[in-house]
Amino acid sequence: MSTSSTQDGTLSHIRHVLSENPVTMLAAALFVGFVLTALLGPSLVPYDPLASNVGPALQPPSANHWFGTDSLGRDIFSRVVVATRLDLGIAFSAVFVSFIIGMPLGLAAGFFGGWWDRVISRGADTIMAFPLFVLAMGIVAALGNTVGNIILATIVINLPFYIRVARAEANVRRSAGWVEAARLSGNGDMRILAMHLFPNALPPAMVQVSLNMGWAILNAAGLSFIGLGVRPPEPEWGILVAEGAQFIVSGEWWVSLFPGLVLMLAVFTFNLLGDALRDIFDPRRRT
């Protein structure tokens, strides 16, 4: 089969999965919107997100400032748009690294068993024994509140999810008939893991990726909200909500409302994408 035919089949499969459910299509459209905002937003915003006094301080939403201005006269819309790149960058980086580390470890634990399983599973259990957000707080507090350390903390708290998902799939399928057939055909253990077990573990792992993306965004925003995340004046959704919290009582609701709504919409989008990603990567759906 040619490469072009394979690509056409993949695109057709993706279109079919997305068109099956209007909610999934909506989630995909929102996801594309967030990605384009992260890539192009900083060059399209009407004001410098760090510039103060671009308008009157604490001005409500208007034609000139769609989300209003904050206590320093900065345009909130520009800051929310620019913050998209940072928040999605932290989430994508952390989830990608935890996925590529956790999946092989979990597959090895479930497939080989023995001391592999004991060591890897106990390590995952040790991480899960801590409240995960508190563990992330401790890591960032110990190492310093930089973007790199926020990503590292998010990687650590996400690792057990992929280890457990991959271990469960490998443990169930390692004695399946098609695995034995692959072994009798001359395939070694590494090839069976990579070419047979890994593709079949992808559907539940993709659901976990979708959920972890939302959690990673919330984790970064939560750390910033309590002062352990990204440092001001860098625009970040959690910082923007924290900066506006003190003005809610006095009536300047827009300062924290719009960043909070965008944060909620991003988490909602990734939670909805889970089913679509599961179906796209499920080999049994490619018929």
C-alpha atoms as a PDB file:
ATOM      1  CA  MET A   1       0.000   0.000   0.000  1.00  0.00           C
ATOM      2  CA  SER A   2       1.413   3.401  -0.957  1.00  0.00           C
ATOM      3  CA  THR A   3       2.136   6.194   1.495  1.00  0.00           C
ATOM      4  CA  SER A   4      -0.472   8.458  -0.101  1.00  0.00           C
ATOM      5  CA  SER A   5      -3.150   5.759   0.230  1.00  0.00           C
ATOM      6  CA  THR A   6      -2.264   5.256   3.891  1.00  0.00           C
ATOM      7  CA  GLN A   7      -2.449   9.005   4.546  1.00  0.00           C
ATOM      8  CA  ASP A   8      -5.800   9.243   2.741  1.00  0.00           C
ATOM      9  CA  GLY A   9      -7.123   6.361   4.820  1.00  0.00           C
ATOM     10  CA  THR A  10      -5.920   7.979   8.049  1.00  0.00           C
ATOM     11  CA  LEU A  11      -7.499  11.333   7.184  1.00  0.00           C
ATOM     12  CA  SER A  12     -10.732   9.606   6.210  1.00  0.00           C
ATOM     13  CA  HIS A  13     -10.749   7.728   9.520  1.00  0.00           C
ATOM     14  CA  ILE A  14     -10.192  10.961  11.479  1.00  0.00           C
ATOM     15  CA  ARG A  15     -12.979  12.731   9.585  1.00  0.00           C
ATOM     16  CA  HIS A  16     -15.318   9.806  10.240  1.00  0.00           C
ATOM     17  CA  VAL A  17     -14.567   9.782  13.987  1.00  0.00           C
ATOM     18  CA  LEU A  18     -15.053  13.541  14.319  1.00  0.00           C
ATOM     19  CA  SER A  19     -18.255  13.599  12.283  1.00  0.00           C
ATOM     20  CA  GLU A  20     -19.881  10.832  14.346  1.00  0.00           C
ATOM     21  CA  ASN A  21     -20.494  13.113  17.324  1.00  0.00           C
ATOM     22  CA  PRO A  22     -21.239  16.873  17.155  1.00  0.00           C
ATOM     23  CA  VAL A  23     -19.762  17.350  20.644  1.00  0.00           C
ATOM     24  CA  THR A  24     -16.506  15.759  19.494  1.00  0.00           C
ATOM     25  CA  MET A  25     -16.473  18.037  16.458  1.00  0.00           C
ATOM     26  CA  LEU A  26     -16.986  21.046  18.747  1.00  0.00           C
ATOM     27  CA  ALA A  27     -14.126  19.917  20.994  1.00  0.00           C
ATOM     28  CA  ALA A  28     -11.857  19.471  17.962  1.00  0.00           C
ATOM     29  CA  ALA A  29     -12.754  22.957  16.709  1.00  0.00           C
ATOM     30  CA  LEU A  30     -12.026  24.460  20.130  1.00  0.00           C
ATOM     31  CA  PHE A  31      -8.720  22.584  20.276  1.00  0.00           C
ATOM     32  CA  VAL A  32      -7.681  23.948  16.878  1.00  0.00           C
ATOM     33  CA  GLY A  33      -8.703  27.413  18.040  1.00  0.00           C
ATOM     34  CA  PHE A  34      -6.527  27.193  21.150  1.00  0.00           C
ATOM     35  CA  VAL A  35      -3.552  25.911  19.150  1.00  0.00           C
ATOM     36  CA  LEU A  36      -3.876  28.727  16.589  1.00  0.00           C
ATOM     37  CA  THR A  37      -4.214  31.235  19.420  1.00  0.00           C
ATOM     38  CA  ALA A  38      -1.036  29.907  21.012  1.00  0.00           C
ATOM     39  CA  LEU A  39       0.864  30.050  17.719  1.00  0.00           C
ATOM     40  CA  LEU A  40      -0.432  33.290  16.235  1.00  0.00           C
ATOM     41  CA  GLY A  41      -2.008  35.162  19.136  1.00  0.00           C
ATOM     42  CA  PRO A  42       1.072  37.059  20.371  1.00  0.00           C
ATOM     43  CA  SER A  43       1.530  38.630  16.924  1.00  0.00           C
ATOM     44  CA  LEU A  44      -2.151  39.573  16.582  1.00  0.00           C
ATOM     45  CA  VAL A  45      -3.058  41.096  19.959  1.00  0.00           C
ATOM     46  CA  PRO A  46      -3.967  44.795  19.863  1.00  0.00           C
ATOM     47  CA  TYR A  47      -1.717  45.811  22.784  1.00  0.00           C
ATOM     48  CA  ASP A  48       1.564  44.815  24.362  1.00  0.00           C
ATOM     49  CA  PRO A  49       0.528  42.425  27.195  1.00  0.00           C
ATOM     50  CA  LEU A  50       3.222  43.838  29.493  1.00  0.00           C
ATOM     51  CA  ALA A  51       2.620  47.526  28.739  1.00  0.00           C
ATOM     52  CA  SER A  52       0.838  49.430  31.499  1.00  0.00           C
ATOM     53  CA  ASN A  53      -1.411  52.455  31.048  1.00  0.00           C
ATOM     54  CA  VAL A  54      -2.635  51.407  27.598  1.00  0.00           C
ATOM     55  CA  GLY A  55      -6.017  52.429  28.966  1.00  0.00           C
ATOM     56  CA  PRO A  56      -7.571  53.685  32.218  1.00  0.00           C
ATOM     57  CA  ALA A  57      -6.961  51.335  35.136  1.00  0.00           C
ATOM     58  CA  LEU A  58      -9.783  48.906  35.951  1.00  0.00           C
ATOM     59  CA  GLN A  59     -11.845  49.926  32.938  1.00  0.00           C
ATOM     60  CA  PRO A  60     -14.753  47.549  32.256  1.00  0.00           C
ATOM     61  CA  PRO A  61     -15.062  45.733  28.917  1.00  0.00           C
ATOM     62  CA  SER A  62     -15.441  48.132  26.007  1.00  0.00           C
ATOM     63  CA  ALA A  63     -14.877  48.374  22.263  1.00  0.00           C
ATOM     64  CA  ASN A  64     -11.235  49.319  22.830  1.00  0.00           C
ATOM     65  CA  HIS A  65     -10.561  46.745  25.554  1.00  0.00           C
ATOM     66  CA  TRP A  66     -12.770  43.697  25.018  1.00  0.00           C
ATOM     67  CA  PHE A  67     -11.959  42.148  28.409  1.00  0.00           C
ATOM     68  CA  GLY A  68     -11.352  45.441  30.183  1.00  0.00           C
ATOM     69  CA  THR A  69      -8.123  46.566  31.853  1.00  0.00           C
ATOM     70  CA  ASP A  70      -6.427  45.586  35.109  1.00  0.00           C
ATOM     71  CA  SER A  71      -5.168  47.701  38.017  1.00  0.00           C
ATOM     72  CA  LEU A  72      -2.116  48.815  36.012  1.00  0.00           C
ATOM     73  CA  GLY A  73      -4.080  49.704  32.906  1.00  0.00           C
ATOM     74  CA  ARG A  74      -2.934  46.633  30.975  1.00  0.00           C
ATOM     75  CA  ASP A  75      -5.238  45.147  28.346  1.00  0.00           C
ATOM     76  CA  ILE A  76      -6.652  41.909  29.783  1.00  0.00           C
ATOM     77  CA  PHE A  77      -7.625  40.480  26.390  1.00  0.00           C
ATOM     78  CA  SER A  78      -4.040  40.766  25.141  1.00  0.00           C
ATOM     79  CA  ARG A  79      -2.711  39.167  28.305  1.00  0.00           C
ATOM     80  CA  VAL A  80      -5.186  36.264  28.146  1.00  0.00           C
ATOM     81  CA  VAL A  81      -4.359  35.572  24.489  1.00  0.00           C
ATOM     82  CA  VAL A  82      -0.592  35.673  25.040  1.00  0.00           C
ATOM     83  CA  ALA A  83      -0.915  33.449  28.127  1.00  0.00           C
ATOM     84  CA  THR A  84      -2.351  30.688  25.924  1.00  0.00           C
ATOM     85  CA  ARG A  85       1.081  29.896  24.468  1.00  0.00           C
ATOM     86  CA  LEU A  86       2.690  29.544  27.897  1.00  0.00           C
ATOM     87  CA  ASP A  87      -0.069  27.434  29.461  1.00  0.00           C
ATOM     88  CA  LEU A  88      -0.430  25.098  26.489  1.00  0.00           C
ATOM     89  CA  GLY A  89       3.355  24.879  26.170  1.00  0.00           C
ATOM     90  CA  ILE A  90       3.694  23.766  29.786  1.00  0.00           C
ATOM     91  CA  ALA A  91       0.867  21.232  29.417  1.00  0.00           C
ATOM     92  CA  PHE A  92       2.034  19.786  26.075  1.00  0.00           C
ATOM     93  CA  SER A  93       5.651  19.486  27.224  1.00  0.00           C
ATOM     94  CA  ALA A  94       4.814  17.832  30.537  1.00  0.00           C
ATOM     95  CA  VAL A  95       2.257  15.395  29.133  1.00  0.00           C
ATOM     96  CA  PHE A  96       4.464  14.442  26.153  1.00  0.00           C
ATOM     97  CA  VAL A  97       7.478  13.635  28.338  1.00  0.00           C
ATOM     98  CA  SER A  98       5.446  11.735  30.936  1.00  0.00           C
ATOM     99  CA  PHE A  99       3.807   9.751  28.105  1.00  0.00           C
ATOM    100  CA  ILE A 100       7.055   8.728  26.391  1.00  0.00           C
ATOM    101  CA  ILE A 101       8.595   7.727  29.744  1.00  0.00           C
ATOM    102  CA  GLY A 102       5.569   6.159  31.436  1.00  0.00           C
ATOM    103  CA  MET A 103       4.270   4.048  28.545  1.00  0.00           C
ATOM    104  CA  PRO A 104       7.470   1.988  27.992  1.00  0.00           C
ATOM    105  CA  LEU A 105       7.893   1.521  31.747  1.00  0.00           C
ATOM    106  CA  GLY A 106       4.309   0.337  32.152  1.00  0.00           C
ATOM    107  CA  LEU A 107       4.476  -1.982  29.139  1.00  0.00           C
ATOM    108  CA  ALA A 108       7.699  -3.542  30.446  1.00  0.00           C
ATOM    109  CA  ALA A 109       6.184  -4.015  33.910  1.00  0.00           C
ATOM    110  CA  GLY A 110       3.054  -5.690  32.574  1.00  0.00           C
ATOM    111  CA  PHE A 111       4.784  -7.807  29.917  1.00  0.00           C
ATOM    112  CA  PHE A 112       7.831  -9.083  31.776  1.00  0.00           C
ATOM    113  CA  GLY A 113       6.434  -9.161  35.330  1.00  0.00           C
ATOM    114  CA  GLY A 114       8.822 -10.221  38.093  1.00  0.00           C
ATOM    115  CA  TRP A 115      11.210  -7.619  39.461  1.00  0.00           C
ATOM    116  CA  TRP A 116      10.437  -5.268  36.558  1.00  0.00           C
ATOM    117  CA  ASP A 117       6.837  -5.144  37.715  1.00  0.00           C
ATOM    118  CA  ARG A 118       7.692  -4.826  41.396  1.00  0.00           C
ATOM    119  CA  VAL A 119      10.152  -1.960  40.992  1.00  0.00           C
ATOM    120  CA  ILE A 120       8.120   0.066  38.477  1.00  0.00           C
ATOM    121  CA  SER A 121       4.772  -0.477  40.181  1.00  0.00           C
ATOM    122  CA  ARG A 122       6.118   0.407  43.626  1.00  0.00           C
ATOM    123  CA  GLY A 123       7.646   3.581  42.210  1.00  0.00           C
ATOM    124  CA  ALA A 124       4.303   4.599  40.704  1.00  0.00           C
ATOM    125  CA  ASP A 125       2.499   3.730  43.946  1.00  0.00           C
ATOM    126  CA  THR A 126       4.941   5.870  45.920  1.00  0.00           C
ATOM    127  CA  ILE A 127       4.150   8.909  43.784  1.00  0.00           C
ATOM    128  CA  MET A 128       0.411   8.253  43.978  1.00  0.00           C
ATOM    129  CA  ALA A 129       0.606   8.009  47.780  1.00  0.00           C
ATOM    130  CA  PHE A 130       1.059  11.792  47.926  1.00  0.00           C
ATOM    131  CA  PRO A 131      -1.696  14.299  47.126  1.00  0.00           C
ATOM    132  CA  LEU A 132      -0.475  15.126  43.637  1.00  0.00           C
ATOM    133  CA  PHE A 133      -0.935  18.894  43.744  1.00  0.00           C
ATOM    134  CA  VAL A 134       0.808  19.038  47.123  1.00  0.00           C
ATOM    135  CA  LEU A 135       3.663  16.983  45.650  1.00  0.00           C
ATOM    136  CA  ALA A 136       3.908  19.429  42.738  1.00  0.00           C
ATOM    137  CA  MET A 137       3.976  22.306  45.227  1.00  0.00           C
ATOM    138  CA  GLY A 138       6.813  20.651  47.143  1.00  0.00           C
ATOM    139  CA  ILE A 139       8.893  20.046  43.999  1.00  0.00           C
ATOM    140  CA  VAL A 140       8.498  23.617  42.761  1.00  0.00           C
ATOM    141  CA  ALA A 141       9.098  25.083  46.223  1.00  0.00           C
ATOM    142  CA  ALA A 142      12.293  23.033  46.598  1.00  0.00           C
ATOM    143  CA  LEU A 143      13.698  23.673  43.112  1.00  0.00           C
ATOM    144  CA  GLY A 144      12.382  27.174  42.432  1.00  0.00           C
ATOM    145  CA  ASN A 145       9.361  28.493  40.605  1.00  0.00           C
ATOM    146  CA  THR A 146      10.609  28.492  37.035  1.00  0.00           C
ATOM    147  CA  VAL A 147       8.770  27.226  33.970  1.00  0.00           C
ATOM    148  CA  GLY A 148      11.184  24.290  33.706  1.00  0.00           C
ATOM    149  CA  ASN A 149      10.513  23.218  37.286  1.00  0.00           C
ATOM    150  CA  ILE A 150       6.746  23.532  36.807  1.00  0.00           C
ATOM    151  CA  ILE A 151       7.039  21.210  33.805  1.00  0.00           C
ATOM    152  CA  LEU A 152       9.206  18.801  35.829  1.00  0.00           C
ATOM    153  CA  ALA A 153       6.705  18.712  38.685  1.00  0.00           C
ATOM    154  CA  THR A 154       3.856  18.080  36.255  1.00  0.00           C
ATOM    155  CA  ILE A 155       5.812  15.253  34.594  1.00  0.00           C
ATOM    156  CA  VAL A 156       6.379  13.556  37.947  1.00  0.00           C
ATOM    157  CA  ILE A 157       2.735  13.665  39.031  1.00  0.00           C
ATOM    158  CA  ASN A 158       1.522  12.456  35.601  1.00  0.00           C
ATOM    159  CA  LEU A 159       3.908   9.492  35.261  1.00  0.00           C
ATOM    160  CA  PRO A 160       1.929   6.973  37.365  1.00  0.00           C
ATOM    161  CA  PHE A 161      -1.164   7.326  35.173  1.00  0.00           C
ATOM    162  CA  TYR A 162       0.647   6.132  32.040  1.00  0.00           C
ATOM    163  CA  ILE A 163       2.531   3.428  33.914  1.00  0.00           C
ATOM    164  CA  ARG A 164      -0.726   2.010  35.266  1.00  0.00           C
ATOM    165  CA  VAL A 165      -2.606   2.220  31.959  1.00  0.00           C
ATOM    166  CA  ALA A 166       0.211   0.572  29.980  1.00  0.00           C
ATOM    167  CA  ARG A 167       0.854  -2.069  32.646  1.00  0.00           C
ATOM    168  CA  ALA A 168      -2.800  -3.088  32.741  1.00  0.00           C
ATOM    169  CA  GLU A 169      -3.018  -3.391  28.952  1.00  0.00           C
ATOM    170  CA  ALA A 170       0.229  -5.384  28.685  1.00  0.00           C
ATOM    171  CA  ASN A 171      -0.695  -7.649  31.588  1.00  0.00           C
ATOM    172  CA  VAL A 172      -4.049  -8.534  30.023  1.00  0.00           C
ATOM    173  CA  ARG A 173      -2.772  -9.013  26.467  1.00  0.00           C
ATOM    174  CA  ARG A 174       0.632 -10.642  26.944  1.00  0.00           C
ATOM    175  CA  SER A 175      -0.883 -14.146  26.704  1.00  0.00           C
ATOM    176  CA  ALA A 176      -3.283 -13.336  23.870  1.00  0.00           C
ATOM    177  CA  GLY A 177      -3.273 -15.559  20.799  1.00  0.00           C
ATOM    178  CA  TRP A 178      -1.987 -12.848  18.479  1.00  0.00           C
ATOM    179  CA  VAL A 179       0.954 -12.182  20.813  1.00  0.00           C
ATOM    180  CA  GLU A 180       1.854 -15.882  20.784  1.00  0.00           C
ATOM    181  CA  ALA A 181       1.489 -15.909  17.000  1.00  0.00           C
ATOM    182  CA  ALA A 182       3.852 -12.949  16.734  1.00  0.00           C
ATOM    183  CA  ARG A 183       6.366 -14.717  18.969  1.00  0.00           C
ATOM    184  CA  LEU A 184       6.148 -17.938  16.932  1.00  0.00           C
ATOM    185  CA  SER A 185       6.731 -15.864  13.781  1.00  0.00           C
ATOM    186  CA  GLY A 186      10.156 -14.944  15.105  1.00  0.00           C
ATOM    187  CA  ASN A 187       9.408 -11.581  16.721  1.00  0.00           C
ATOM    188  CA  GLY A 188      11.467 -10.748  19.803  1.00  0.00           C
ATOM    189  CA  ASP A 189      10.055  -9.267  22.993  1.00  0.00           C
ATOM    190  CA  MET A 190      11.028  -5.689  22.096  1.00  0.00           C
ATOM    191  CA  ARG A 191       9.326  -5.914  18.704  1.00  0.00           C
ATOM    192  CA  ILE A 192       6.193  -7.424  20.248  1.00  0.00           C
ATOM    193  CA  LEU A 193       6.092  -4.585  22.764  1.00  0.00           C
ATOM    194  CA  ALA A 194       6.649  -1.874  20.153  1.00  0.00           C
ATOM    195  CA  MET A 195       4.660  -3.224  17.200  1.00  0.00           C
ATOM    196  CA  HIS A 196       1.844  -5.172  18.844  1.00  0.00           C
ATOM    197  CA  LEU A 197       1.207  -4.225  22.475  1.00  0.00           C
ATOM    198  CA  PHE A 198       1.932  -0.494  22.206  1.00  0.00           C
ATOM    199  CA  PRO A 199      -0.654   0.177  19.435  1.00  0.00           C
ATOM    200  CA  ASN A 200      -3.292  -1.720  21.383  1.00  0.00           C
ATOM    201  CA  ALA A 201      -2.489   0.252  24.550  1.00  0.00           C
ATOM    202  CA  LEU A 202      -2.839   3.581  22.744  1.00  0.00           C
ATOM    203  CA  PRO A 203      -6.667   4.020  22.916  1.00  0.00           C
ATOM    204  CA  PRO A 204      -6.920   4.125  26.740  1.00  0.00           C
ATOM    205  CA  ALA A 205      -3.618   6.010  26.888  1.00  0.00           C
ATOM    206  CA  MET A 206      -5.020   8.701  24.581  1.00  0.00           C
ATOM    207  CA  VAL A 207      -7.961   9.195  26.908  1.00  0.00           C
ATOM    208  CA  GLN A 208      -5.458   9.625  29.711  1.00  0.00           C
ATOM    209  CA  VAL A 209      -3.465  12.117  27.616  1.00  0.00           C
ATOM    210  CA  SER A 210      -6.586  14.198  27.095  1.00  0.00           C
ATOM    211  CA  LEU A 211      -7.424  14.215  30.803  1.00  0.00           C
ATOM    212  CA  ASN A 212      -3.827  14.942  31.785  1.00  0.00           C
ATOM    213  CA  MET A 213      -3.714  17.932  29.449  1.00  0.00           C
ATOM    214  CA  GLY A 214      -6.581  19.503  31.363  1.00  0.00           C
ATOM    215  CA  TRP A 215      -5.017  18.597  34.701  1.00  0.00           C
ATOM    216  CA  ALA A 216      -1.632  19.971  33.612  1.00  0.00           C
ATOM    217  CA  ILE A 217      -3.204  23.307  32.692  1.00  0.00           C
ATOM    218  CA  LEU A 218      -5.016  23.410  36.037  1.00  0.00           C
ATOM    219  CA  ASN A 219      -1.831  22.415  37.856  1.00  0.00           C
ATOM    220  CA  ALA A 220       0.181  25.235  36.248  1.00  0.00           C
ATOM    221  CA  ALA A 221      -2.605  27.736  36.894  1.00  0.00           C
ATOM    222  CA  GLY A 222      -3.029  26.547  40.489  1.00  0.00           C
ATOM    223  CA  LEU A 223       0.680  26.866  41.231  1.00  0.00           C
ATOM    224  CA  SER A 224       0.694  30.376  39.764  1.00  0.00           C
ATOM    225  CA  PHE A 225      -2.430  31.298  41.718  1.00  0.00           C
ATOM    226  CA  ILE A 226      -0.753  30.502  45.055  1.00  0.00           C
ATOM    227  CA  GLY A 227       2.530  32.174  44.061  1.00  0.00           C
ATOM    228  CA  LEU A 228       4.581  29.059  43.237  1.00  0.00           C
ATOM    229  CA  GLY A 229       4.179  29.141  39.471  1.00  0.00           C
ATOM    230  CA  VAL A 230       5.146  31.542  36.739  1.00  0.00           C
ATOM    231  CA  ARG A 231       6.326  34.861  38.106  1.00  0.00           C
ATOM    232  CA  PRO A 232       4.542  38.152  37.341  1.00  0.00           C
ATOM    233  CA  PRO A 233       4.405  40.169  35.151  1.00  0.00           C
ATOM    234  CA  GLU A 234       4.524  37.192  32.732  1.00  0.00           C
ATOM    235  CA  PRO A 235       0.941  36.638  31.545  1.00  0.00           C
ATOM    236  CA  GLU A 236      -0.393  33.261  32.671  1.00  0.00           C
ATOM    237  CA  TRP A 237      -4.016  32.289  33.291  1.00  0.00           C
ATOM    238  CA  GLY A 238      -3.518  31.428  36.972  1.00  0.00           C
ATOM    239  CA  ILE A 239      -1.685  34.708  37.619  1.00  0.00           C
ATOM    240  CA  LEU A 240      -4.420  36.670  35.862  1.00  0.00           C
ATOM    241  CA  VAL A 241      -7.117  35.043  38.003  1.00  0.00           C
ATOM    242  CA  ALA A 242      -5.071  35.679  41.166  1.00  0.00           C
ATOM    243  CA  GLU A 243      -4.488  39.326  40.247  1.00  0.00           C
ATOM    244  CA  GLY A 244      -8.207  39.857  39.772  1.00  0.00           C
ATOM    245  CA  ALA A 245      -9.397  37.992  42.869  1.00  0.00           C
ATOM    246  CA  GLN A 246      -8.827  40.988  45.136  1.00  0.00           C
ATOM    247  CA  PHE A 247     -11.046  43.208  42.978  1.00  0.00           C
ATOM    248  CA  ILE A 248     -14.130  40.966  42.874  1.00  0.00           C
ATOM    249  CA  VAL A 249     -15.528  42.365  46.146  1.00  0.00           C
ATOM    250  CA  SER A 250     -15.128  45.955  44.941  1.00  0.00           C
ATOM    251  CA  GLY A 251     -17.015  45.189  41.726  1.00  0.00           C
ATOM    252  CA  GLU A 252     -14.238  44.851  39.128  1.00  0.00           C
ATOM    253  CA  TRP A 253     -15.396  41.341  38.194  1.00  0.00           C
ATOM    254  CA  TRP A 254     -13.908  41.319  34.698  1.00  0.00           C
ATOM    255  CA  VAL A 255     -10.291  41.219  35.888  1.00  0.00           C
ATOM    256  CA  SER A 256     -10.530  37.579  36.961  1.00  0.00           C
ATOM    257  CA  LEU A 257     -13.704  36.464  35.156  1.00  0.00           C
ATOM    258  CA  PHE A 258     -12.368  36.338  31.596  1.00  0.00           C
ATOM    259  CA  PRO A 259      -9.079  34.553  32.390  1.00  0.00           C
ATOM    260  CA  GLY A 260     -11.063  32.090  34.505  1.00  0.00           C
ATOM    261  CA  LEU A 261     -13.543  31.443  31.696  1.00  0.00           C
ATOM    262  CA  VAL A 262     -10.763  30.811  29.175  1.00  0.00           C
ATOM    263  CA  LEU A 263      -9.038  28.465  31.651  1.00  0.00           C
ATOM    264  CA  MET A 264     -12.293  26.576  32.198  1.00  0.00           C
ATOM    265  CA  LEU A 265     -12.927  26.352  28.439  1.00  0.00           C
ATOM    266  CA  ALA A 266      -9.440  24.935  27.813  1.00  0.00           C
ATOM    267  CA  VAL A 267      -9.877  22.214  30.450  1.00  0.00           C
ATOM    268  CA  PHE A 268     -13.379  21.466  29.148  1.00  0.00           C
ATOM    269  CA  THR A 269     -12.022  21.127  25.593  1.00  0.00           C
ATOM    270  CA  PHE A 270      -9.351  18.593  26.515  1.00  0.00           C
ATOM    271  CA  ASN A 271     -11.772  16.570  28.621  1.00  0.00           C
ATOM    272  CA  LEU A 272     -14.131  16.289  25.656  1.00  0.00           C
ATOM    273  CA  LEU A 273     -11.343  15.259  23.281  1.00  0.00           C
ATOM    274  CA  GLY A 274     -10.660  11.992  25.097  1.00  0.00           C
ATOM    275  CA  ASP A 275     -13.264   9.889  23.303  1.00  0.00           C
ATOM    276  CA  ALA A 276     -12.201  11.180  19.887  1.00  0.00           C
ATOM    277  CA  LEU A 277      -8.525  10.427  20.539  1.00  0.00           C
ATOM    278  CA  ARG A 278      -9.418   6.925  21.758  1.00  0.00           C
ATOM    279  CA  ASP A 279     -11.352   6.152  18.588  1.00  0.00           C
ATOM    280  CA  ILE A 280      -8.727   7.693  16.280  1.00  0.00           C
ATOM    281  CA  PHE A 281      -5.911   5.581  17.718  1.00  0.00           C
ATOM    282  CA  ASP A 282      -7.918   2.367  18.176  1.00  0.00           C
ATOM    283  CA  PRO A 283      -6.651  -0.168  15.583  1.00  0.00           C
ATOM    284  CA  ARG A 284      -9.994  -1.992  15.709  1.00  0.00           C
ATOM    285  CA  ARG A 285     -11.796   1.107  14.394  1.00  0.00           C
ATOM    286  CA  ARG A 286      -9.676   1.187  11.216  1.00  0.00           C
ATOM    287  CA  THR A 287     -11.920  -1.055   9.189  1.00  0.00           C
END
